[in-house]
Amino acid sequence: YRLTLQPEITYANEGSKQQGIPPNASSSTY
């Protein structure tokens, strides 16, 4: 009465963003 099972199949965009200054950068603005 209260329980259901829900299988799904989905297509999803995932990931992340990251930023920083490379160790060999000549300037902090790089």
PDB file of all heavy atoms in Angstrom:
ATOM      1  N   TYR A   1       0.828  -1.209   0.000  1.00  0.00           N
ATOM      2  CA  TYR A   1       0.000   0.000   0.000  1.00  0.00           C
ATOM      3  C   TYR A   1       0.862   1.258   0.000  1.00  0.00           C
ATOM      4  O   TYR A   1       0.555   2.246  -0.678  1.00  0.00           O
ATOM      5  CB  TYR A   1      -0.929   0.000   1.206  1.00  0.00           C
ATOM      6  CG  TYR A   1      -1.744   1.277   1.344  1.00  0.00           C
ATOM      7  CD1 TYR A   1      -2.705   1.621   0.396  1.00  0.00           C
ATOM      8  CD2 TYR A   1      -1.542   2.137   2.426  1.00  0.00           C
ATOM      9  CE1 TYR A   1      -3.436   2.787   0.507  1.00  0.00           C
ATOM     10  CE2 TYR A   1      -2.273   3.307   2.555  1.00  0.00           C
ATOM     11  CZ  TYR A   1      -3.212   3.628   1.595  1.00  0.00           C
ATOM     12  OH  TYR A   1      -3.933   4.782   1.718  1.00  0.00           O
ATOM     13  N   ARG A   2       1.982   1.244   0.744  1.00  0.00           N
ATOM     14  CA  ARG A   2       2.810   2.446   0.869  1.00  0.00           C
ATOM     15  C   ARG A   2       4.186   2.322   0.206  1.00  0.00           C
ATOM     16  O   ARG A   2       4.867   3.322   0.031  1.00  0.00           O
ATOM     17  CB  ARG A   2       2.992   2.816   2.345  1.00  0.00           C
ATOM     18  CG  ARG A   2       1.696   3.270   3.008  1.00  0.00           C
ATOM     19  CD  ARG A   2       1.953   3.898   4.358  1.00  0.00           C
ATOM     20  NE  ARG A   2       0.716   4.309   5.009  1.00  0.00           N
ATOM     21  CZ  ARG A   2       0.113   5.472   4.820  1.00  0.00           C
ATOM     22  NH1 ARG A   2       0.639   6.350   3.986  1.00  0.00           N
ATOM     23  NH2 ARG A   2      -1.004   5.774   5.453  1.00  0.00           N
ATOM     24  N   LEU A   3       4.601   1.121  -0.124  1.00  0.00           N
ATOM     25  CA  LEU A   3       5.924   0.927  -0.678  1.00  0.00           C
ATOM     26  C   LEU A   3       5.875   0.706  -2.191  1.00  0.00           C
ATOM     27  O   LEU A   3       5.043  -0.057  -2.686  1.00  0.00           O
ATOM     28  CB  LEU A   3       6.617  -0.263  -0.026  1.00  0.00           C
ATOM     29  CG  LEU A   3       7.017  -0.128   1.442  1.00  0.00           C
ATOM     30  CD1 LEU A   3       7.664  -1.415   1.937  1.00  0.00           C
ATOM     31  CD2 LEU A   3       7.973   1.056   1.650  1.00  0.00           C
ATOM     32  N   THR A   4       6.771   1.385  -2.895  1.00  0.00           N
ATOM     33  CA  THR A   4       6.926   1.161  -4.331  1.00  0.00           C
ATOM     34  C   THR A   4       8.415   1.056  -4.642  1.00  0.00           C
ATOM     35  O   THR A   4       9.266   1.573  -3.907  1.00  0.00           O
ATOM     36  CB  THR A   4       6.319   2.303  -5.167  1.00  0.00           C
ATOM     37  OG1 THR A   4       6.923   3.552  -4.773  1.00  0.00           O
ATOM     38  CG2 THR A   4       4.824   2.387  -4.986  1.00  0.00           C
ATOM     39  N   LEU A   5       8.712   0.373  -5.736  1.00  0.00           N
ATOM     40  CA  LEU A   5      10.088   0.285  -6.216  1.00  0.00           C
ATOM     41  C   LEU A   5      10.164   1.042  -7.534  1.00  0.00           C
ATOM     42  O   LEU A   5       9.328   0.830  -8.412  1.00  0.00           O
ATOM     43  CB  LEU A   5      10.496  -1.166  -6.413  1.00  0.00           C
ATOM     44  CG  LEU A   5      11.999  -1.384  -6.595  1.00  0.00           C
ATOM     45  CD1 LEU A   5      12.721  -1.227  -5.259  1.00  0.00           C
ATOM     46  CD2 LEU A   5      12.281  -2.745  -7.184  1.00  0.00           C
ATOM     47  N   GLN A   6      11.159   1.918  -7.653  1.00  0.00           N
ATOM     48  CA  GLN A   6      11.245   2.743  -8.855  1.00  0.00           C
ATOM     49  C   GLN A   6      12.615   2.615  -9.525  1.00  0.00           C
ATOM     50  O   GLN A   6      13.551   3.334  -9.196  1.00  0.00           O
ATOM     51  CB  GLN A   6      10.962   4.214  -8.526  1.00  0.00           C
ATOM     52  CG  GLN A   6      10.963   5.115  -9.775  1.00  0.00           C
ATOM     53  CD  GLN A   6      10.298   6.435  -9.534  1.00  0.00           C
ATOM     54  OE1 GLN A   6       9.081   6.508  -9.330  1.00  0.00           O
ATOM     55  NE2 GLN A   6      11.074   7.501  -9.570  1.00  0.00           N
ATOM     56  N   PRO A   7      12.753   1.696 -10.488  1.00  0.00           N
ATOM     57  CA  PRO A   7      13.959   1.670 -11.326  1.00  0.00           C
ATOM     58  C   PRO A   7      13.892   2.820 -12.334  1.00  0.00           C
ATOM     59  O   PRO A   7      12.820   3.179 -12.807  1.00  0.00           O
ATOM     60  CB  PRO A   7      13.894   0.309 -12.014  1.00  0.00           C
ATOM     61  CG  PRO A   7      12.781  -0.439 -11.345  1.00  0.00           C
ATOM     62  CD  PRO A   7      11.856   0.568 -10.786  1.00  0.00           C
ATOM     63  N   GLU A   8      15.044   3.348 -12.660  1.00  0.00           N
ATOM     64  CA  GLU A   8      15.122   4.442 -13.621  1.00  0.00           C
ATOM     65  C   GLU A   8      16.321   4.230 -14.539  1.00  0.00           C
ATOM     66  O   GLU A   8      17.266   3.503 -14.208  1.00  0.00           O
ATOM     67  CB  GLU A   8      15.300   5.788 -12.897  1.00  0.00           C
ATOM     68  CG  GLU A   8      14.262   6.095 -11.856  1.00  0.00           C
ATOM     69  CD  GLU A   8      14.579   7.365 -11.082  1.00  0.00           C
ATOM     70  OE1 GLU A   8      15.595   8.030 -11.401  1.00  0.00           O
ATOM     71  OE2 GLU A   8      13.839   7.684 -10.148  1.00  0.00           O
ATOM     72  N   ILE A   9      16.299   4.880 -15.659  1.00  0.00           N
ATOM     73  CA  ILE A   9      17.488   5.003 -16.500  1.00  0.00           C
ATOM     74  C   ILE A   9      17.580   6.455 -16.943  1.00  0.00           C
ATOM     75  O   ILE A   9      16.629   6.995 -17.526  1.00  0.00           O
ATOM     76  CB  ILE A   9      17.468   4.033 -17.704  1.00  0.00           C
ATOM     77  CG1 ILE A   9      18.741   4.196 -18.536  1.00  0.00           C
ATOM     78  CG2 ILE A   9      16.208   4.186 -18.551  1.00  0.00           C
ATOM     79  CD1 ILE A   9      18.968   3.090 -19.539  1.00  0.00           C
ATOM     80  N   THR A  10      18.675   7.114 -16.607  1.00  0.00           N
ATOM     81  CA  THR A  10      18.798   8.548 -16.853  1.00  0.00           C
ATOM     82  C   THR A  10      20.127   8.868 -17.523  1.00  0.00           C
ATOM     83  O   THR A  10      21.115   8.135 -17.383  1.00  0.00           O
ATOM     84  CB  THR A  10      18.701   9.358 -15.541  1.00  0.00           C
ATOM     85  OG1 THR A  10      19.784   8.988 -14.672  1.00  0.00           O
ATOM     86  CG2 THR A  10      17.388   9.092 -14.833  1.00  0.00           C
ATOM     87  N   TYR A  11      20.135   9.973 -18.233  1.00  0.00           N
ATOM     88  CA  TYR A  11      21.356  10.517 -18.829  1.00  0.00           C
ATOM     89  C   TYR A  11      21.652  11.810 -18.087  1.00  0.00           C
ATOM     90  O   TYR A  11      20.792  12.697 -17.999  1.00  0.00           O
ATOM     91  CB  TYR A  11      21.144  10.781 -20.310  1.00  0.00           C
ATOM     92  CG  TYR A  11      22.396  11.199 -21.044  1.00  0.00           C
ATOM     93  CD1 TYR A  11      23.276  10.251 -21.560  1.00  0.00           C
ATOM     94  CD2 TYR A  11      22.700  12.548 -21.219  1.00  0.00           C
ATOM     95  CE1 TYR A  11      24.426  10.624 -22.243  1.00  0.00           C
ATOM     96  CE2 TYR A  11      23.852  12.937 -21.898  1.00  0.00           C
ATOM     97  CZ  TYR A  11      24.713  11.974 -22.405  1.00  0.00           C
ATOM     98  OH  TYR A  11      25.854  12.356 -23.061  1.00  0.00           O
ATOM     99  N   ALA A  12      22.862  11.934 -17.536  1.00  0.00           N
ATOM    100  CA  ALA A  12      23.163  13.069 -16.671  1.00  0.00           C
ATOM    101  C   ALA A  12      24.499  13.707 -17.018  1.00  0.00           C
ATOM    102  O   ALA A  12      25.485  13.011 -17.303  1.00  0.00           O
ATOM    103  CB  ALA A  12      23.168  12.630 -15.215  1.00  0.00           C
ATOM    104  N   ASN A  13      24.519  15.046 -17.012  1.00  0.00           N
ATOM    105  CA  ASN A  13      25.761  15.812 -17.139  1.00  0.00           C
ATOM    106  C   ASN A  13      26.324  16.046 -15.743  1.00  0.00           C
ATOM    107  O   ASN A  13      25.636  16.603 -14.882  1.00  0.00           O
ATOM    108  CB  ASN A  13      25.500  17.170 -17.796  1.00  0.00           C
ATOM    109  CG  ASN A  13      24.751  17.045 -19.104  1.00  0.00           C
ATOM    110  OD1 ASN A  13      23.787  17.760 -19.316  1.00  0.00           O
ATOM    111  ND2 ASN A  13      25.168  16.151 -19.976  1.00  0.00           N
ATOM    112  N   GLU A  14      27.560  15.636 -15.530  1.00  0.00           N
ATOM    113  CA  GLU A  14      28.190  15.810 -14.224  1.00  0.00           C
ATOM    114  C   GLU A  14      29.595  16.367 -14.409  1.00  0.00           C
ATOM    115  O   GLU A  14      30.040  16.601 -15.526  1.00  0.00           O
ATOM    116  CB  GLU A  14      28.206  14.482 -13.460  1.00  0.00           C
ATOM    117  CG  GLU A  14      26.816  13.896 -13.245  1.00  0.00           C
ATOM    118  CD  GLU A  14      26.825  12.594 -12.462  1.00  0.00           C
ATOM    119  OE1 GLU A  14      27.872  12.253 -11.879  1.00  0.00           O
ATOM    120  OE2 GLU A  14      25.786  11.907 -12.452  1.00  0.00           O
ATOM    121  N   GLY A  15      30.316  16.577 -13.304  1.00  0.00           N
ATOM    122  CA  GLY A  15      31.677  17.079 -13.386  1.00  0.00           C
ATOM    123  C   GLY A  15      31.983  18.077 -12.294  1.00  0.00           C
ATOM    124  O   GLY A  15      31.344  18.092 -11.239  1.00  0.00           O
ATOM    125  N   SER A  16      32.961  18.949 -12.560  1.00  0.00           N
ATOM    126  CA  SER A  16      33.361  19.959 -11.583  1.00  0.00           C
ATOM    127  C   SER A  16      34.195  21.031 -12.266  1.00  0.00           C
ATOM    128  O   SER A  16      34.605  20.886 -13.424  1.00  0.00           O
ATOM    129  CB  SER A  16      34.160  19.314 -10.437  1.00  0.00           C
ATOM    130  OG  SER A  16      35.378  18.775 -10.927  1.00  0.00           O
ATOM    131  N   LYS A  17      34.458  22.109 -11.531  1.00  0.00           N
ATOM    132  CA  LYS A  17      35.318  23.197 -11.999  1.00  0.00           C
ATOM    133  C   LYS A  17      36.417  23.431 -10.974  1.00  0.00           C
ATOM    134  O   LYS A  17      36.190  23.346  -9.768  1.00  0.00           O
ATOM    135  CB  LYS A  17      34.507  24.489 -12.191  1.00  0.00           C
ATOM    136  CG  LYS A  17      33.452  24.407 -13.280  1.00  0.00           C
ATOM    137  CD  LYS A  17      32.696  25.733 -13.398  1.00  0.00           C
ATOM    138  CE  LYS A  17      31.633  25.674 -14.483  1.00  0.00           C
ATOM    139  NZ  LYS A  17      30.889  26.960 -14.590  1.00  0.00           N
ATOM    140  N   GLN A  18      37.609  23.743 -11.478  1.00  0.00           N
ATOM    141  CA  GLN A  18      38.751  23.962 -10.585  1.00  0.00           C
ATOM    142  C   GLN A  18      39.658  25.007 -11.198  1.00  0.00           C
ATOM    143  O   GLN A  18      39.868  25.025 -12.410  1.00  0.00           O
ATOM    144  CB  GLN A  18      39.506  22.652 -10.383  1.00  0.00           C
ATOM    145  CG  GLN A  18      40.646  22.735  -9.372  1.00  0.00           C
ATOM    146  CD  GLN A  18      41.452  21.452  -9.313  1.00  0.00           C
ATOM    147  OE1 GLN A  18      41.515  20.713 -10.289  1.00  0.00           O
ATOM    148  NE2 GLN A  18      42.080  21.176  -8.181  1.00  0.00           N
ATOM    149  N   GLN A  19      40.207  25.881 -10.365  1.00  0.00           N
ATOM    150  CA  GLN A  19      41.123  26.873 -10.892  1.00  0.00           C
ATOM    151  C   GLN A  19      42.287  27.082  -9.932  1.00  0.00           C
ATOM    152  O   GLN A  19      42.197  26.811  -8.746  1.00  0.00           O
ATOM    153  CB  GLN A  19      40.423  28.197 -11.170  1.00  0.00           C
ATOM    154  CG  GLN A  19      39.972  28.974  -9.937  1.00  0.00           C
ATOM    155  CD  GLN A  19      39.339  30.298 -10.327  1.00  0.00           C
ATOM    156  OE1 GLN A  19      38.475  30.361 -11.191  1.00  0.00           O
ATOM    157  NE2 GLN A  19      39.775  31.355  -9.669  1.00  0.00           N
ATOM    158  N   GLY A  20      43.399  27.575 -10.489  1.00  0.00           N
ATOM    159  CA  GLY A  20      44.587  27.824  -9.685  1.00  0.00           C
ATOM    160  C   GLY A  20      45.719  28.351 -10.537  1.00  0.00           C
ATOM    161  O   GLY A  20      45.583  28.516 -11.761  1.00  0.00           O
ATOM    162  N   ILE A  21      46.860  28.596  -9.912  1.00  0.00           N
ATOM    163  CA  ILE A  21      48.043  29.110 -10.594  1.00  0.00           C
ATOM    164  C   ILE A  21      49.041  27.972 -10.751  1.00  0.00           C
ATOM    165  O   ILE A  21      49.442  27.362  -9.755  1.00  0.00           O
ATOM    166  CB  ILE A  21      48.676  30.269  -9.803  1.00  0.00           C
ATOM    167  CG1 ILE A  21      47.643  31.388  -9.591  1.00  0.00           C
ATOM    168  CG2 ILE A  21      49.914  30.797 -10.524  1.00  0.00           C
ATOM    169  CD1 ILE A  21      48.117  32.464  -8.642  1.00  0.00           C
ATOM    170  N   PRO A  22      49.431  27.644 -11.980  1.00  0.00           N
ATOM    171  CA  PRO A  22      50.412  26.567 -12.179  1.00  0.00           C
ATOM    172  C   PRO A  22      51.731  26.878 -11.480  1.00  0.00           C
ATOM    173  O   PRO A  22      52.105  28.049 -11.334  1.00  0.00           O
ATOM    174  CB  PRO A  22      50.587  26.527 -13.700  1.00  0.00           C
ATOM    175  CG  PRO A  22      49.379  27.198 -14.247  1.00  0.00           C
ATOM    176  CD  PRO A  22      48.979  28.233 -13.239  1.00  0.00           C
ATOM    177  N   PRO A  23      52.469  25.844 -11.027  1.00  0.00           N
ATOM    178  CA  PRO A  23      53.736  26.067 -10.310  1.00  0.00           C
ATOM    179  C   PRO A  23      54.763  26.856 -11.112  1.00  0.00           C
ATOM    180  O   PRO A  23      55.567  27.598 -10.551  1.00  0.00           O
ATOM    181  CB  PRO A  23      54.231  24.642 -10.035  1.00  0.00           C
ATOM    182  CG  PRO A  23      53.008  23.799 -10.083  1.00  0.00           C
ATOM    183  CD  PRO A  23      52.110  24.421 -11.100  1.00  0.00           C
ATOM    184  N   ASN A  24      54.758  26.711 -12.456  1.00  0.00           N
ATOM    185  CA  ASN A  24      55.761  27.399 -13.280  1.00  0.00           C
ATOM    186  C   ASN A  24      55.248  28.708 -13.864  1.00  0.00           C
ATOM    187  O   ASN A  24      55.845  29.253 -14.795  1.00  0.00           O
ATOM    188  CB  ASN A  24      56.222  26.475 -14.410  1.00  0.00           C
ATOM    189  CG  ASN A  24      55.053  26.026 -15.294  1.00  0.00           C
ATOM    190  OD1 ASN A  24      53.897  26.247 -14.947  1.00  0.00           O
ATOM    191  ND2 ASN A  24      55.374  25.391 -16.422  1.00  0.00           N
ATOM    192  N   ALA A  25      54.142  29.230 -13.354  1.00  0.00           N
ATOM    193  CA  ALA A  25      53.577  30.468 -13.898  1.00  0.00           C
ATOM    194  C   ALA A  25      54.482  31.650 -13.595  1.00  0.00           C
ATOM    195  O   ALA A  25      55.053  31.766 -12.503  1.00  0.00           O
ATOM    196  CB  ALA A  25      52.194  30.704 -13.313  1.00  0.00           C
ATOM    197  N   SER A  26      54.596  32.530 -14.568  1.00  0.00           N
ATOM    198  CA  SER A  26      55.450  33.700 -14.404  1.00  0.00           C
ATOM    199  C   SER A  26      54.757  34.838 -13.674  1.00  0.00           C
ATOM    200  O   SER A  26      55.389  35.788 -13.239  1.00  0.00           O
ATOM    201  CB  SER A  26      55.920  34.188 -15.780  1.00  0.00           C
ATOM    202  OG  SER A  26      54.796  34.499 -16.600  1.00  0.00           O
ATOM    203  N   SER A  27      53.431  34.748 -13.542  1.00  0.00           N
ATOM    204  CA  SER A  27      52.669  35.819 -12.908  1.00  0.00           C
ATOM    205  C   SER A  27      51.474  35.231 -12.168  1.00  0.00           C
ATOM    206  O   SER A  27      50.934  34.198 -12.562  1.00  0.00           O
ATOM    207  CB  SER A  27      52.189  36.823 -13.959  1.00  0.00           C
ATOM    208  OG  SER A  27      51.260  37.733 -13.405  1.00  0.00           O
ATOM    209  N   SER A  28      51.064  35.883 -11.094  1.00  0.00           N
ATOM    210  CA  SER A  28      49.909  35.422 -10.321  1.00  0.00           C
ATOM    211  C   SER A  28      48.605  35.633 -11.076  1.00  0.00           C
ATOM    212  O   SER A  28      47.564  35.124 -10.679  1.00  0.00           O
ATOM    213  CB  SER A  28      49.849  36.148  -8.972  1.00  0.00           C
ATOM    214  OG  SER A  28      49.726  37.546  -9.168  1.00  0.00           O
ATOM    215  N   THR A  29      48.666  36.439 -12.170  1.00  0.00           N
ATOM    216  CA  THR A  29      47.464  36.651 -12.975  1.00  0.00           C
ATOM    217  C   THR A  29      47.279  35.549 -14.010  1.00  0.00           C
ATOM    218  O   THR A  29      46.276  35.506 -14.699  1.00  0.00           O
ATOM    219  CB  THR A  29      47.527  38.008 -13.698  1.00  0.00           C
ATOM    220  OG1 THR A  29      48.681  38.029 -14.550  1.00  0.00           O
ATOM    221  CG2 THR A  29      47.624  39.147 -12.695  1.00  0.00           C
ATOM    222  N   TYR A  30      48.263  34.651 -14.104  1.00  0.00           N
ATOM    223  CA  TYR A  30      48.200  33.531 -15.050  1.00  0.00           C
ATOM    224  C   TYR A  30      47.455  32.393 -14.361  1.00  0.00           C
ATOM    225  O   TYR A  30      47.997  31.693 -13.510  1.00  0.00           O
ATOM    226  CB  TYR A  30      49.620  33.115 -15.425  1.00  0.00           C
ATOM    227  CG  TYR A  30      49.705  32.053 -16.510  1.00  0.00           C
ATOM    228  CD1 TYR A  30      49.912  32.421 -17.844  1.00  0.00           C
ATOM    229  CD2 TYR A  30      49.589  30.706 -16.208  1.00  0.00           C
ATOM    230  CE1 TYR A  30      50.005  31.466 -18.838  1.00  0.00           C
ATOM    231  CE2 TYR A  30      49.683  29.743 -17.199  1.00  0.00           C
ATOM    232  CZ  TYR A  30      49.898  30.128 -18.498  1.00  0.00           C
ATOM    233  OH  TYR A  30      49.991  29.182 -19.471  1.00  0.00           O
TER     234      TYR A  30
END
